[in-house]
């Protein structure tokens, strides 16, 4: 059986994580 990896990166730019909410802006990377 094969092994697959995926990475999801969320983008907040320079905004501090004070509101405890995630932006919907994200990217997926598959290997």
N, C-alpha and C. Protein backbone atom coordinates (compact mmCIF):
# COMPACT_ATOMS: atom_id res chain seq x y z
N UNK A 1 0.85 -1.18 0.00
CA UNK A 1 0.00 0.00 0.00
C UNK A 1 0.89 1.24 0.00
N UNK A 2 0.53 2.26 -0.76
CA UNK A 2 1.33 3.48 -0.88
C UNK A 2 1.16 4.42 0.30
N UNK A 3 2.12 5.29 0.45
CA UNK A 3 2.07 6.32 1.49
C UNK A 3 1.91 7.67 0.79
N UNK A 4 0.95 8.46 1.22
CA UNK A 4 0.67 9.75 0.61
C UNK A 4 0.69 10.83 1.69
N UNK A 5 1.11 12.02 1.32
CA UNK A 5 1.12 13.15 2.25
C UNK A 5 0.39 14.33 1.64
N UNK A 6 -0.26 15.10 2.50
CA UNK A 6 -0.90 16.35 2.09
C UNK A 6 -0.59 17.40 3.14
N UNK A 7 -0.34 18.61 2.70
CA UNK A 7 -0.07 19.72 3.61
C UNK A 7 -1.08 20.82 3.32
N UNK A 8 -1.73 21.32 4.36
CA UNK A 8 -2.67 22.43 4.23
C UNK A 8 -2.08 23.61 4.99
N UNK A 9 -1.90 24.73 4.30
CA UNK A 9 -1.32 25.93 4.92
C UNK A 9 -2.35 27.05 4.90
N UNK A 10 -2.68 27.58 6.07
CA UNK A 10 -3.62 28.69 6.18
C UNK A 10 -2.86 30.00 6.12
N UNK A 11 -3.44 30.99 5.47
CA UNK A 11 -2.79 32.29 5.29
C UNK A 11 -3.50 33.36 6.12
N UNK A 12 -2.74 33.99 7.01
CA UNK A 12 -3.28 35.12 7.77
C UNK A 12 -2.47 36.39 7.50
N UNK A 13 -1.41 36.27 6.74
CA UNK A 13 -0.58 37.44 6.48
C UNK A 13 0.08 37.92 7.76
N UNK A 14 0.04 39.21 8.01
CA UNK A 14 0.65 39.80 9.21
C UNK A 14 -0.33 39.90 10.37
N UNK A 15 -1.54 39.40 10.21
CA UNK A 15 -2.54 39.51 11.27
C UNK A 15 -2.18 38.62 12.45
N UNK A 16 -2.19 39.16 13.66
CA UNK A 16 -1.95 38.32 14.84
C UNK A 16 -3.14 37.39 15.08
N UNK A 17 -2.88 36.25 15.69
CA UNK A 17 -3.94 35.27 15.95
C UNK A 17 -4.59 35.57 17.30
N UNK A 18 -5.29 36.70 17.37
CA UNK A 18 -5.93 37.12 18.62
C UNK A 18 -7.42 36.81 18.64
N UNK A 19 -8.05 36.74 17.47
CA UNK A 19 -9.49 36.48 17.42
C UNK A 19 -9.83 35.00 17.47
N UNK A 20 -8.80 34.13 17.46
CA UNK A 20 -8.98 32.68 17.54
C UNK A 20 -9.89 32.15 16.43
N UNK A 21 -9.80 32.76 15.25
CA UNK A 21 -10.55 32.31 14.08
C UNK A 21 -9.58 32.10 12.94
N UNK A 22 -9.83 31.09 12.14
CA UNK A 22 -8.98 30.79 11.00
C UNK A 22 -9.55 31.45 9.74
N UNK A 23 -8.67 32.00 8.93
CA UNK A 23 -9.07 32.54 7.64
C UNK A 23 -9.42 31.37 6.72
N UNK A 24 -10.28 31.62 5.76
CA UNK A 24 -10.61 30.58 4.77
C UNK A 24 -9.55 30.49 3.68
N UNK A 25 -8.62 31.46 3.63
CA UNK A 25 -7.55 31.45 2.62
C UNK A 25 -6.54 30.37 2.97
N UNK A 26 -6.39 29.39 2.10
CA UNK A 26 -5.46 28.30 2.36
C UNK A 26 -4.98 27.68 1.06
N UNK A 27 -3.94 26.88 1.16
CA UNK A 27 -3.43 26.17 -0.01
C UNK A 27 -3.14 24.72 0.36
N UNK A 28 -3.28 23.85 -0.62
CA UNK A 28 -3.02 22.42 -0.46
C UNK A 28 -1.79 22.04 -1.25
N UNK A 29 -0.95 21.19 -0.68
CA UNK A 29 0.21 20.65 -1.37
C UNK A 29 0.20 19.13 -1.19
N UNK A 30 0.29 18.41 -2.30
CA UNK A 30 0.29 16.95 -2.25
C UNK A 30 1.65 16.42 -2.67
N UNK A 31 2.07 15.34 -2.03
CA UNK A 31 3.33 14.71 -2.38
C UNK A 31 3.10 13.24 -2.67
